[in-house]
Amino acid sequence: MHVDSGGQPRTVFLPQKLRNELQTYLDLRGHVPPTNPLFITAGRRAFSANVMAQHFHYLFAREGIAGASSHSMRRSFITTLATQGISVRVLAELAGHRSIAVTQKYIDVNDDMKR
């Protein structure tokens, strides 16, 4: 799947299960012009990054998950892959960072890494 993030197009790899779910969603949604947003708000507008972050905040609060945010999920994703030995260059590509220095700030050092 190709997305444009901050004016920079990139490829996002989706697991087959998620691709199947998205296809089911598209099938239920019916025919709409491809320029229409994939997801819309209750006000029938495209989700912005801010609206999506607020939605995650609401979901975490509803489930009683304290301290979680869309940003903490991003940090966790990058840290988990770093712990598995994925290079910081690959992590930067996945995160959409132009600089590996930015990506390195997202990696939380943990005991598994120190071992």
PDB file of N, CA and C in Angstrom:
ATOM      1  N   MET A   1       0.854  -1.168   0.000  1.00  0.00           N
ATOM      2  CA  MET A   1       0.000   0.000   0.000  1.00  0.00           C
ATOM      3  C   MET A   1       0.894   1.222   0.000  1.00  0.00           C
ATOM      4  N   HIS A   2       0.566   2.205  -0.838  1.00  0.00           N
ATOM      5  CA  HIS A   2       1.356   3.437  -0.912  1.00  0.00           C
ATOM      6  C   HIS A   2       0.612   4.552  -0.199  1.00  0.00           C
ATOM      7  N   VAL A   3       1.314   5.261   0.665  1.00  0.00           N
ATOM      8  CA  VAL A   3       0.721   6.391   1.381  1.00  0.00           C
ATOM      9  C   VAL A   3       1.623   7.596   1.221  1.00  0.00           C
ATOM     10  N   ASP A   4       1.050   8.765   1.395  1.00  0.00           N
ATOM     11  CA  ASP A   4       1.801  10.014   1.327  1.00  0.00           C
ATOM     12  C   ASP A   4       1.798  10.612   2.717  1.00  0.00           C
ATOM     13  N   SER A   5       2.952  10.634   3.350  1.00  0.00           N
ATOM     14  CA  SER A   5       3.064  11.133   4.710  1.00  0.00           C
ATOM     15  C   SER A   5       3.990  12.337   4.721  1.00  0.00           C
ATOM     16  N   GLY A   6       3.453  13.484   5.046  1.00  0.00           N
ATOM     17  CA  GLY A   6       4.281  14.681   5.093  1.00  0.00           C
ATOM     18  C   GLY A   6       4.872  15.029   3.747  1.00  0.00           C
ATOM     19  N   GLY A   7       4.127  14.740   2.686  1.00  0.00           N
ATOM     20  CA  GLY A   7       4.606  15.047   1.344  1.00  0.00           C
ATOM     21  C   GLY A   7       5.579  14.021   0.797  1.00  0.00           C
ATOM     22  N   GLN A   8       5.848  12.971   1.553  1.00  0.00           N
ATOM     23  CA  GLN A   8       6.796  11.945   1.127  1.00  0.00           C
ATOM     24  C   GLN A   8       6.064  10.615   0.913  1.00  0.00           C
ATOM     25  N   PRO A   9       5.926  10.168  -0.343  1.00  0.00           N
ATOM     26  CA  PRO A   9       5.264   8.871  -0.551  1.00  0.00           C
ATOM     27  C   PRO A   9       6.132   7.735  -0.030  1.00  0.00           C
ATOM     28  N   ARG A  10       5.483   6.716   0.488  1.00  0.00           N
ATOM     29  CA  ARG A  10       6.213   5.530   0.941  1.00  0.00           C
ATOM     30  C   ARG A  10       5.303   4.315   0.870  1.00  0.00           C
ATOM     31  N   THR A  11       5.908   3.167   0.930  1.00  0.00           N
ATOM     32  CA  THR A  11       5.174   1.912   0.885  1.00  0.00           C
ATOM     33  C   THR A  11       5.007   1.392   2.299  1.00  0.00           C
ATOM     34  N   VAL A  12       3.786   0.973   2.621  1.00  0.00           N
ATOM     35  CA  VAL A  12       3.492   0.387   3.918  1.00  0.00           C
ATOM     36  C   VAL A  12       3.069  -1.053   3.665  1.00  0.00           C
ATOM     37  N   PHE A  13       3.720  -1.992   4.319  1.00  0.00           N
ATOM     38  CA  PHE A  13       3.414  -3.406   4.152  1.00  0.00           C
ATOM     39  C   PHE A  13       2.336  -3.807   5.144  1.00  0.00           C
ATOM     40  N   LEU A  14       1.276  -4.390   4.639  1.00  0.00           N
ATOM     41  CA  LEU A  14       0.154  -4.790   5.477  1.00  0.00           C
ATOM     42  C   LEU A  14       0.037  -6.301   5.512  1.00  0.00           C
ATOM     43  N   PRO A  15      -0.214  -6.878   6.689  1.00  0.00           N
ATOM     44  CA  PRO A  15      -0.415  -8.327   6.767  1.00  0.00           C
ATOM     45  C   PRO A  15      -1.672  -8.728   5.984  1.00  0.00           C
ATOM     46  N   GLN A  16      -1.680  -9.956   5.514  1.00  0.00           N
ATOM     47  CA  GLN A  16      -2.793 -10.445   4.710  1.00  0.00           C
ATOM     48  C   GLN A  16      -4.130 -10.307   5.429  1.00  0.00           C
ATOM     49  N   LYS A  17      -4.165 -10.586   6.726  1.00  0.00           N
ATOM     50  CA  LYS A  17      -5.420 -10.484   7.480  1.00  0.00           C
ATOM     51  C   LYS A  17      -5.966  -9.058   7.430  1.00  0.00           C
ATOM     52  N   LEU A  18      -5.098  -8.069   7.590  1.00  0.00           N
ATOM     53  CA  LEU A  18      -5.540  -6.678   7.531  1.00  0.00           C
ATOM     54  C   LEU A  18      -5.981  -6.312   6.116  1.00  0.00           C
ATOM     55  N   ARG A  19      -5.256  -6.789   5.114  1.00  0.00           N
ATOM     56  CA  ARG A  19      -5.671  -6.529   3.729  1.00  0.00           C
ATOM     57  C   ARG A  19      -7.053  -7.111   3.466  1.00  0.00           C
ATOM     58  N   ASN A  20      -7.320  -8.306   4.007  1.00  0.00           N
ATOM     59  CA  ASN A  20      -8.646  -8.911   3.842  1.00  0.00           C
ATOM     60  C   ASN A  20      -9.727  -8.066   4.509  1.00  0.00           C
ATOM     61  N   GLU A  21      -9.442  -7.577   5.715  1.00  0.00           N
ATOM     62  CA  GLU A  21     -10.405  -6.737   6.431  1.00  0.00           C
ATOM     63  C   GLU A  21     -10.669  -5.433   5.683  1.00  0.00           C
ATOM     64  N   LEU A  22      -9.604  -4.831   5.156  1.00  0.00           N
ATOM     65  CA  LEU A  22      -9.781  -3.602   4.382  1.00  0.00           C
ATOM     66  C   LEU A  22     -10.615  -3.854   3.127  1.00  0.00           C
ATOM     67  N   GLN A  23     -10.395  -4.996   2.487  1.00  0.00           N
ATOM     68  CA  GLN A  23     -11.175  -5.331   1.299  1.00  0.00           C
ATOM     69  C   GLN A  23     -12.646  -5.515   1.662  1.00  0.00           C
ATOM     70  N   THR A  24     -12.911  -6.156   2.780  1.00  0.00           N
ATOM     71  CA  THR A  24     -14.296  -6.321   3.239  1.00  0.00           C
ATOM     72  C   THR A  24     -14.931  -4.950   3.484  1.00  0.00           C
ATOM     73  N   TYR A  25     -14.181  -4.058   4.120  1.00  0.00           N
ATOM     74  CA  TYR A  25     -14.658  -2.691   4.367  1.00  0.00           C
ATOM     75  C   TYR A  25     -14.972  -1.989   3.052  1.00  0.00           C
ATOM     76  N   LEU A  26     -14.072  -2.093   2.085  1.00  0.00           N
ATOM     77  CA  LEU A  26     -14.291  -1.448   0.790  1.00  0.00           C
ATOM     78  C   LEU A  26     -15.503  -2.031   0.081  1.00  0.00           C
ATOM     79  N   ASP A  27     -15.674  -3.344   0.177  1.00  0.00           N
ATOM     80  CA  ASP A  27     -16.828  -3.986  -0.448  1.00  0.00           C
ATOM     81  C   ASP A  27     -18.135  -3.493   0.176  1.00  0.00           C
ATOM     82  N   LEU A  28     -18.158  -3.365   1.506  1.00  0.00           N
ATOM     83  CA  LEU A  28     -19.357  -2.889   2.201  1.00  0.00           C
ATOM     84  C   LEU A  28     -19.636  -1.409   1.924  1.00  0.00           C
ATOM     85  N   ARG A  29     -18.576  -0.668   1.740  1.00  0.00           N
ATOM     86  CA  ARG A  29     -18.683   0.769   1.502  1.00  0.00           C
ATOM     87  C   ARG A  29     -19.287   1.072   0.136  1.00  0.00           C
ATOM     88  N   GLY A  30     -19.118   0.159  -0.778  1.00  0.00           N
ATOM     89  CA  GLY A  30     -19.657   0.372  -2.119  1.00  0.00           C
ATOM     90  C   GLY A  30     -18.740   1.217  -2.979  1.00  0.00           C
ATOM     91  N   HIS A  31     -19.235   1.536  -4.150  1.00  0.00           N
ATOM     92  CA  HIS A  31     -18.431   2.287  -5.114  1.00  0.00           C
ATOM     93  C   HIS A  31     -18.376   3.766  -4.746  1.00  0.00           C
ATOM     94  N   VAL A  32     -17.182   4.245  -4.546  1.00  0.00           N
ATOM     95  CA  VAL A  32     -16.944   5.671  -4.316  1.00  0.00           C
ATOM     96  C   VAL A  32     -15.725   6.061  -5.140  1.00  0.00           C
ATOM     97  N   PRO A  33     -15.621   7.318  -5.518  1.00  0.00           N
ATOM     98  CA  PRO A  33     -14.437   7.742  -6.279  1.00  0.00           C
ATOM     99  C   PRO A  33     -13.150   7.450  -5.504  1.00  0.00           C
ATOM    100  N   PRO A  34     -12.093   7.026  -6.183  1.00  0.00           N
ATOM    101  CA  PRO A  34     -10.835   6.706  -5.492  1.00  0.00           C
ATOM    102  C   PRO A  34     -10.196   7.898  -4.797  1.00  0.00           C
ATOM    103  N   THR A  35     -10.646   9.098  -5.121  1.00  0.00           N
ATOM    104  CA  THR A  35     -10.105  10.292  -4.454  1.00  0.00           C
ATOM    105  C   THR A  35     -10.757  10.528  -3.099  1.00  0.00           C
ATOM    106  N   ASN A  36     -11.859   9.833  -2.811  1.00  0.00           N
ATOM    107  CA  ASN A  36     -12.500   9.966  -1.504  1.00  0.00           C
ATOM    108  C   ASN A  36     -11.622   9.350  -0.429  1.00  0.00           C
ATOM    109  N   PRO A  37     -11.666   9.914   0.795  1.00  0.00           N
ATOM    110  CA  PRO A  37     -10.852   9.343   1.878  1.00  0.00           C
ATOM    111  C   PRO A  37     -11.293   7.923   2.230  1.00  0.00           C
ATOM    112  N   LEU A  38     -10.355   7.128   2.687  1.00  0.00           N
ATOM    113  CA  LEU A  38     -10.645   5.742   3.066  1.00  0.00           C
ATOM    114  C   LEU A  38     -11.524   5.687   4.312  1.00  0.00           C
ATOM    115  N   PHE A  39     -11.230   6.516   5.296  1.00  0.00           N
ATOM    116  CA  PHE A  39     -12.006   6.579   6.530  1.00  0.00           C
ATOM    117  C   PHE A  39     -12.484   8.013   6.734  1.00  0.00           C
ATOM    118  N   ILE A  40     -13.710   8.156   7.232  1.00  0.00           N
ATOM    119  CA  ILE A  40     -14.254   9.489   7.462  1.00  0.00           C
ATOM    120  C   ILE A  40     -14.746   9.621   8.900  1.00  0.00           C
ATOM    121  N   THR A  41     -14.800  10.852   9.354  1.00  0.00           N
ATOM    122  CA  THR A  41     -15.280  11.147  10.697  1.00  0.00           C
ATOM    123  C   THR A  41     -16.810  11.160  10.686  1.00  0.00           C
ATOM    124  N   ALA A  42     -17.407  11.327  11.865  1.00  0.00           N
ATOM    125  CA  ALA A  42     -18.863  11.439  11.960  1.00  0.00           C
ATOM    126  C   ALA A  42     -19.357  12.647  11.168  1.00  0.00           C
ATOM    127  N   GLY A  43     -18.507  13.648  11.004  1.00  0.00           N
ATOM    128  CA  GLY A  43     -18.841  14.838  10.227  1.00  0.00           C
ATOM    129  C   GLY A  43     -18.599  14.671   8.741  1.00  0.00           C
ATOM    130  N   ARG A  44     -18.328  13.443   8.324  1.00  0.00           N
ATOM    131  CA  ARG A  44     -18.116  13.089   6.912  1.00  0.00           C
ATOM    132  C   ARG A  44     -16.880  13.748   6.299  1.00  0.00           C
ATOM    133  N   ARG A  45     -15.867  13.975   7.131  1.00  0.00           N
ATOM    134  CA  ARG A  45     -14.590  14.534   6.657  1.00  0.00           C
ATOM    135  C   ARG A  45     -13.508  13.473   6.791  1.00  0.00           C
ATOM    136  N   ALA A  46     -12.424  13.665   6.056  1.00  0.00           N
ATOM    137  CA  ALA A  46     -11.290  12.743   6.132  1.00  0.00           C
ATOM    138  C   ALA A  46     -10.651  12.815   7.510  1.00  0.00           C
ATOM    139  N   PHE A  47     -10.181  11.664   8.006  1.00  0.00           N
ATOM    140  CA  PHE A  47      -9.443  11.641   9.261  1.00  0.00           C
ATOM    141  C   PHE A  47      -8.128  12.374   9.056  1.00  0.00           C
ATOM    142  N   SER A  48      -7.836  13.318   9.925  1.00  0.00           N
ATOM    143  CA  SER A  48      -6.519  13.949   9.939  1.00  0.00           C
ATOM    144  C   SER A  48      -5.658  13.167  10.922  1.00  0.00           C
ATOM    145  N   ALA A  49      -4.361  13.430  10.902  1.00  0.00           N
ATOM    146  CA  ALA A  49      -3.473  12.767  11.860  1.00  0.00           C
ATOM    147  C   ALA A  49      -3.889  13.112  13.284  1.00  0.00           C
ATOM    148  N   ASN A  50      -4.303  14.358  13.516  1.00  0.00           N
ATOM    149  CA  ASN A  50      -4.713  14.785  14.845  1.00  0.00           C
ATOM    150  C   ASN A  50      -5.988  14.072  15.289  1.00  0.00           C
ATOM    151  N   VAL A  51      -6.954  13.946  14.390  1.00  0.00           N
ATOM    152  CA  VAL A  51      -8.200  13.254  14.729  1.00  0.00           C
ATOM    153  C   VAL A  51      -7.908  11.790  15.057  1.00  0.00           C
ATOM    154  N   MET A  52      -7.017  11.175  14.297  1.00  0.00           N
ATOM    155  CA  MET A  52      -6.669   9.776  14.550  1.00  0.00           C
ATOM    156  C   MET A  52      -5.983   9.636  15.912  1.00  0.00           C
ATOM    157  N   ALA A  53      -5.082  10.554  16.242  1.00  0.00           N
ATOM    158  CA  ALA A  53      -4.411  10.515  17.546  1.00  0.00           C
ATOM    159  C   ALA A  53      -5.430  10.676  18.675  1.00  0.00           C
ATOM    160  N   GLN A  54      -6.404  11.569  18.487  1.00  0.00           N
ATOM    161  CA  GLN A  54      -7.452  11.753  19.491  1.00  0.00           C
ATOM    162  C   GLN A  54      -8.307  10.490  19.625  1.00  0.00           C
ATOM    163  N   HIS A  55      -8.558   9.834  18.506  1.00  0.00           N
ATOM    164  CA  HIS A  55      -9.353   8.604  18.534  1.00  0.00           C
ATOM    165  C   HIS A  55      -8.621   7.514  19.329  1.00  0.00           C
ATOM    166  N   PHE A  56      -7.312   7.379  19.106  1.00  0.00           N
ATOM    167  CA  PHE A  56      -6.535   6.407  19.883  1.00  0.00           C
ATOM    168  C   PHE A  56      -6.569   6.758  21.362  1.00  0.00           C
ATOM    169  N   HIS A  57      -6.450   8.054  21.684  1.00  0.00           N
ATOM    170  CA  HIS A  57      -6.515   8.484  23.078  1.00  0.00           C
ATOM    171  C   HIS A  57      -7.835   8.033  23.703  1.00  0.00           C
ATOM    172  N   TYR A  58      -8.928   8.239  22.988  1.00  0.00           N
ATOM    173  CA  TYR A  58     -10.246   7.827  23.470  1.00  0.00           C
ATOM    174  C   TYR A  58     -10.306   6.312  23.675  1.00  0.00           C
ATOM    175  N   LEU A  59      -9.803   5.552  22.700  1.00  0.00           N
ATOM    176  CA  LEU A  59      -9.835   4.086  22.811  1.00  0.00           C
ATOM    177  C   LEU A  59      -9.024   3.596  24.008  1.00  0.00           C
ATOM    178  N   PHE A  60      -7.834   4.166  24.210  1.00  0.00           N
ATOM    179  CA  PHE A  60      -7.006   3.762  25.345  1.00  0.00           C
ATOM    180  C   PHE A  60      -7.696   4.098  26.659  1.00  0.00           C
ATOM    181  N   ALA A  61      -8.274   5.292  26.746  1.00  0.00           N
ATOM    182  CA  ALA A  61      -8.962   5.703  27.973  1.00  0.00           C
ATOM    183  C   ALA A  61     -10.154   4.787  28.235  1.00  0.00           C
ATOM    184  N   ARG A  62     -10.902   4.464  27.197  1.00  0.00           N
ATOM    185  CA  ARG A  62     -12.075   3.599  27.350  1.00  0.00           C
ATOM    186  C   ARG A  62     -11.688   2.220  27.872  1.00  0.00           C
ATOM    187  N   GLU A  63     -10.522   1.737  27.468  1.00  0.00           N
ATOM    188  CA  GLU A  63     -10.057   0.418  27.894  1.00  0.00           C
ATOM    189  C   GLU A  63      -9.223   0.466  29.171  1.00  0.00           C
ATOM    190  N   GLY A  64      -9.034   1.660  29.737  1.00  0.00           N
ATOM    191  CA  GLY A  64      -8.290   1.797  30.986  1.00  0.00           C
ATOM    192  C   GLY A  64      -6.786   1.636  30.838  1.00  0.00           C
ATOM    193  N   ILE A  65      -6.264   1.923  29.666  1.00  0.00           N
ATOM    194  CA  ILE A  65      -4.820   1.809  29.427  1.00  0.00           C
ATOM    195  C   ILE A  65      -4.202   3.186  29.652  1.00  0.00           C
ATOM    196  N   ALA A  66      -3.606   3.366  30.808  1.00  0.00           N
ATOM    197  CA  ALA A  66      -3.049   4.666  31.189  1.00  0.00           C
ATOM    198  C   ALA A  66      -1.716   4.916  30.500  1.00  0.00           C
ATOM    199  N   GLY A  67      -1.501   6.154  30.117  1.00  0.00           N
ATOM    200  CA  GLY A  67      -0.214   6.567  29.563  1.00  0.00           C
ATOM    201  C   GLY A  67       0.028   6.166  28.117  1.00  0.00           C
ATOM    202  N   ALA A  68      -0.919   5.510  27.475  1.00  0.00           N
ATOM    203  CA  ALA A  68      -0.726   5.082  26.088  1.00  0.00           C
ATOM    204  C   ALA A  68      -1.215   6.165  25.130  1.00  0.00           C
ATOM    205  N   SER A  69      -0.561   6.236  23.989  1.00  0.00           N
ATOM    206  CA  SER A  69      -0.926   7.203  22.955  1.00  0.00           C
ATOM    207  C   SER A  69      -0.486   6.652  21.607  1.00  0.00           C
ATOM    208  N   SER A  70      -0.886   7.334  20.553  1.00  0.00           N
ATOM    209  CA  SER A  70      -0.418   6.923  19.232  1.00  0.00           C
ATOM    210  C   SER A  70       1.107   7.041  19.172  1.00  0.00           C
ATOM    211  N   HIS A  71       1.653   8.020  19.864  1.00  0.00           N
ATOM    212  CA  HIS A  71       3.106   8.193  19.888  1.00  0.00           C
ATOM    213  C   HIS A  71       3.795   7.064  20.653  1.00  0.00           C
ATOM    214  N   SER A  72       3.208   6.638  21.774  1.00  0.00           N
ATOM    215  CA  SER A  72       3.819   5.539  22.527  1.00  0.00           C
ATOM    216  C   SER A  72       3.749   4.241  21.731  1.00  0.00           C
ATOM    217  N   MET A  73       2.702   4.074  20.921  1.00  0.00           N
ATOM    218  CA  MET A  73       2.647   2.881  20.052  1.00  0.00           C
ATOM    219  C   MET A  73       3.779   2.921  19.033  1.00  0.00           C
ATOM    220  N   ARG A  74       4.042   4.095  18.505  1.00  0.00           N
ATOM    221  CA  ARG A  74       5.125   4.265  17.530  1.00  0.00           C
ATOM    222  C   ARG A  74       6.475   3.934  18.176  1.00  0.00           C
ATOM    223  N   ARG A  75       6.691   4.451  19.390  1.00  0.00           N
ATOM    224  CA  ARG A  75       7.933   4.157  20.118  1.00  0.00           C
ATOM    225  C   ARG A  75       8.069   2.663  20.383  1.00  0.00           C
ATOM    226  N   SER A  76       6.973   2.049  20.793  1.00  0.00           N
ATOM    227  CA  SER A  76       6.982   0.616  21.085  1.00  0.00           C
ATOM    228  C   SER A  76       7.291  -0.196  19.836  1.00  0.00           C
ATOM    229  N   PHE A  77       6.678   0.165  18.722  1.00  0.00           N
ATOM    230  CA  PHE A  77       6.924  -0.516  17.449  1.00  0.00           C
ATOM    231  C   PHE A  77       8.410  -0.465  17.086  1.00  0.00           C
ATOM    232  N   ILE A  78       8.982   0.723  17.145  1.00  0.00           N
ATOM    233  CA  ILE A  78      10.389   0.899  16.772  1.00  0.00           C
ATOM    234  C   ILE A  78      11.303   0.182  17.756  1.00  0.00           C
ATOM    235  N   THR A  79      11.035   0.288  19.058  1.00  0.00           N
ATOM    236  CA  THR A  79      11.857  -0.373  20.073  1.00  0.00           C
ATOM    237  C   THR A  79      11.789  -1.890  19.933  1.00  0.00           C
ATOM    238  N   THR A  80      10.592  -2.428  19.701  1.00  0.00           N
ATOM    239  CA  THR A  80      10.433  -3.880  19.550  1.00  0.00           C
ATOM    240  C   THR A  80      11.267  -4.395  18.378  1.00  0.00           C
ATOM    241  N   LEU A  81      11.219  -3.711  17.263  1.00  0.00           N
ATOM    242  CA  LEU A  81      12.008  -4.140  16.104  1.00  0.00           C
ATOM    243  C   LEU A  81      13.506  -3.978  16.358  1.00  0.00           C
ATOM    244  N   ALA A  82      13.893  -2.910  17.043  1.00  0.00           N
ATOM    245  CA  ALA A  82      15.314  -2.714  17.370  1.00  0.00           C
ATOM    246  C   ALA A  82      15.805  -3.845  18.268  1.00  0.00           C
ATOM    247  N   THR A  83      14.979  -4.262  19.223  1.00  0.00           N
ATOM    248  CA  THR A  83      15.327  -5.369  20.115  1.00  0.00           C
ATOM    249  C   THR A  83      15.530  -6.657  19.332  1.00  0.00           C
ATOM    250  N   GLN A  84      14.805  -6.805  18.231  1.00  0.00           N
ATOM    251  CA  GLN A  84      14.926  -7.996  17.390  1.00  0.00           C
ATOM    252  C   GLN A  84      16.093  -7.908  16.411  1.00  0.00           C
ATOM    253  N   GLY A  85      16.860  -6.810  16.494  1.00  0.00           N
ATOM    254  CA  GLY A  85      18.060  -6.690  15.672  1.00  0.00           C
ATOM    255  C   GLY A  85      17.861  -6.018  14.324  1.00  0.00           C
ATOM    256  N   ILE A  86      16.704  -5.417  14.090  1.00  0.00           N
ATOM    257  CA  ILE A  86      16.472  -4.711  12.835  1.00  0.00           C
ATOM    258  C   ILE A  86      17.337  -3.452  12.831  1.00  0.00           C
ATOM    259  N   SER A  87      18.001  -3.202  11.722  1.00  0.00           N
ATOM    260  CA  SER A  87      18.922  -2.065  11.664  1.00  0.00           C
ATOM    261  C   SER A  87      18.176  -0.742  11.764  1.00  0.00           C
ATOM    262  N   VAL A  88      18.863   0.253  12.302  1.00  0.00           N
ATOM    263  CA  VAL A  88      18.257   1.563  12.494  1.00  0.00           C
ATOM    264  C   VAL A  88      17.907   2.191  11.143  1.00  0.00           C
ATOM    265  N   ARG A  89      18.630   1.850  10.106  1.00  0.00           N
ATOM    266  CA  ARG A  89      18.322   2.374   8.760  1.00  0.00           C
ATOM    267  C   ARG A  89      16.966   1.854   8.295  1.00  0.00           C
ATOM    268  N   VAL A  90      16.705   0.568   8.504  1.00  0.00           N
ATOM    269  CA  VAL A  90      15.408  -0.012   8.138  1.00  0.00           C
ATOM    270  C   VAL A  90      14.315   0.598   9.010  1.00  0.00           C
ATOM    271  N   LEU A  91      14.591   0.772  10.288  1.00  0.00           N
ATOM    272  CA  LEU A  91      13.614   1.387  11.191  1.00  0.00           C
ATOM    273  C   LEU A  91      13.264   2.803  10.736  1.00  0.00           C
ATOM    274  N   ALA A  92      14.261   3.557  10.313  1.00  0.00           N
ATOM    275  CA  ALA A  92      14.015   4.921   9.831  1.00  0.00           C
ATOM    276  C   ALA A  92      13.094   4.901   8.617  1.00  0.00           C
ATOM    277  N   GLU A  93      13.321   3.958   7.718  1.00  0.00           N
ATOM    278  CA  GLU A  93      12.454   3.828   6.537  1.00  0.00           C
ATOM    279  C   GLU A  93      11.024   3.497   6.949  1.00  0.00           C
ATOM    280  N   LEU A  94      10.877   2.541   7.866  1.00  0.00           N
ATOM    281  CA  LEU A  94       9.538   2.150   8.320  1.00  0.00           C
ATOM    282  C   LEU A  94       8.819   3.297   9.018  1.00  0.00           C
ATOM    283  N   ALA A  95       9.559   4.098   9.780  1.00  0.00           N
ATOM    284  CA  ALA A  95       8.971   5.205  10.524  1.00  0.00           C
ATOM    285  C   ALA A  95       8.773   6.447   9.659  1.00  0.00           C
ATOM    286  N   GLY A  96       9.395   6.449   8.492  1.00  0.00           N
ATOM    287  CA  GLY A  96       9.286   7.620   7.622  1.00  0.00           C
ATOM    288  C   GLY A  96      10.189   8.759   8.035  1.00  0.00           C
ATOM    289  N   HIS A  97      11.249   8.430   8.777  1.00  0.00           N
ATOM    290  CA  HIS A  97      12.202   9.453   9.199  1.00  0.00           C
ATOM    291  C   HIS A  97      13.262   9.645   8.119  1.00  0.00           C
ATOM    292  N   ARG A  98      13.634  10.873   7.892  1.00  0.00           N
ATOM    293  CA  ARG A  98      14.705  11.160   6.926  1.00  0.00           C
ATOM    294  C   ARG A  98      16.082  10.956   7.544  1.00  0.00           C
ATOM    295  N   SER A  99      16.133  11.027   8.871  1.00  0.00           N
ATOM    296  CA  SER A  99      17.401  10.930   9.578  1.00  0.00           C
ATOM    297  C   SER A  99      17.354   9.778  10.585  1.00  0.00           C
ATOM    298  N   ILE A 100      18.421   8.968  10.601  1.00  0.00           N
ATOM    299  CA  ILE A 100      18.459   7.883  11.586  1.00  0.00           C
ATOM    300  C   ILE A 100      18.635   8.439  12.999  1.00  0.00           C
ATOM    301  N   ALA A 101      19.135   9.673  13.115  1.00  0.00           N
ATOM    302  CA  ALA A 101      19.275  10.297  14.433  1.00  0.00           C
ATOM    303  C   ALA A 101      17.898  10.481  15.076  1.00  0.00           C
ATOM    304  N   VAL A 102      16.903  10.814  14.278  1.00  0.00           N
ATOM    305  CA  VAL A 102      15.535  10.962  14.797  1.00  0.00           C
ATOM    306  C   VAL A 102      15.030   9.597  15.250  1.00  0.00           C
ATOM    307  N   THR A 103      15.258   8.587  14.443  1.00  0.00           N
ATOM    308  CA  THR A 103      14.797   7.232  14.765  1.00  0.00           C
ATOM    309  C   THR A 103      15.435   6.747  16.058  1.00  0.00           C
ATOM    310  N   GLN A 104      16.718   7.007  16.238  1.00  0.00           N
ATOM    311  CA  GLN A 104      17.418   6.559  17.434  1.00  0.00           C
ATOM    312  C   GLN A 104      16.805   7.141  18.702  1.00  0.00           C
ATOM    313  N   LYS A 105      16.216   8.319  18.620  1.00  0.00           N
ATOM    314  CA  LYS A 105      15.571   8.933  19.784  1.00  0.00           C
ATOM    315  C   LYS A 105      14.317   8.162  20.186  1.00  0.00           C
ATOM    316  N   TYR A 106      13.735   7.419  19.250  1.00  0.00           N
ATOM    317  CA  TYR A 106      12.522   6.651  19.530  1.00  0.00           C
ATOM    318  C   TYR A 106      12.823   5.318  20.206  1.00  0.00           C
ATOM    319  N   ILE A 107      14.053   4.858  20.141  1.00  0.00           N
ATOM    320  CA  ILE A 107      14.402   3.539  20.668  1.00  0.00           C
ATOM    321  C   ILE A 107      14.670   3.637  22.167  1.00  0.00           C
ATOM    322  N   ASP A 108      13.827   2.939  22.930  1.00  0.00           N
ATOM    323  CA  ASP A 108      14.015   2.873  24.368  1.00  0.00           C
ATOM    324  C   ASP A 108      14.922   1.691  24.670  1.00  0.00           C
ATOM    325  N   VAL A 109      16.054   1.940  25.304  1.00  0.00           N
ATOM    326  CA  VAL A 109      16.986   0.866  25.659  1.00  0.00           C
ATOM    327  C   VAL A 109      16.365   0.043  26.781  1.00  0.00           C
ATOM    328  N   ASN A 110      16.446  -1.275  26.629  1.00  0.00           N
ATOM    329  CA  ASN A 110      15.891  -2.157  27.674  1.00  0.00           C
ATOM    330  C   ASN A 110      16.915  -3.246  28.011  1.00  0.00           C
ATOM    331  N   ASP A 111      16.629  -4.036  29.037  1.00  0.00           N
ATOM    332  CA  ASP A 111      17.571  -5.052  29.506  1.00  0.00           C
ATOM    333  C   ASP A 111      17.872  -6.104  28.445  1.00  0.00           C
ATOM    334  N   ASP A 112      16.888  -6.469  27.619  1.00  0.00           N
ATOM    335  CA  ASP A 112      17.141  -7.445  26.559  1.00  0.00           C
ATOM    336  C   ASP A 112      18.214  -6.933  25.593  1.00  0.00           C
ATOM    337  N   MET A 113      18.180  -5.665  25.283  1.00  0.00           N
ATOM    338  CA  MET A 113      19.184  -5.099  24.393  1.00  0.00           C
ATOM    339  C   MET A 113      20.566  -5.130  25.036  1.00  0.00           C
ATOM    340  N   LYS A 114      20.620  -4.856  26.341  1.00  0.00           N
ATOM    341  CA  LYS A 114      21.899  -4.815  27.048  1.00  0.00           C
ATOM    342  C   LYS A 114      22.530  -6.197  27.126  1.00  0.00           C
ATOM    343  N   ARG A 115      21.701  -7.231  27.189  1.00  0.00           N
ATOM    344  CA  ARG A 115      22.228  -8.597  27.254  1.00  0.00           C
ATOM    345  C   ARG A 115      22.918  -8.939  25.970  1.00  0.00           C
TER     346      ARG A 115
END
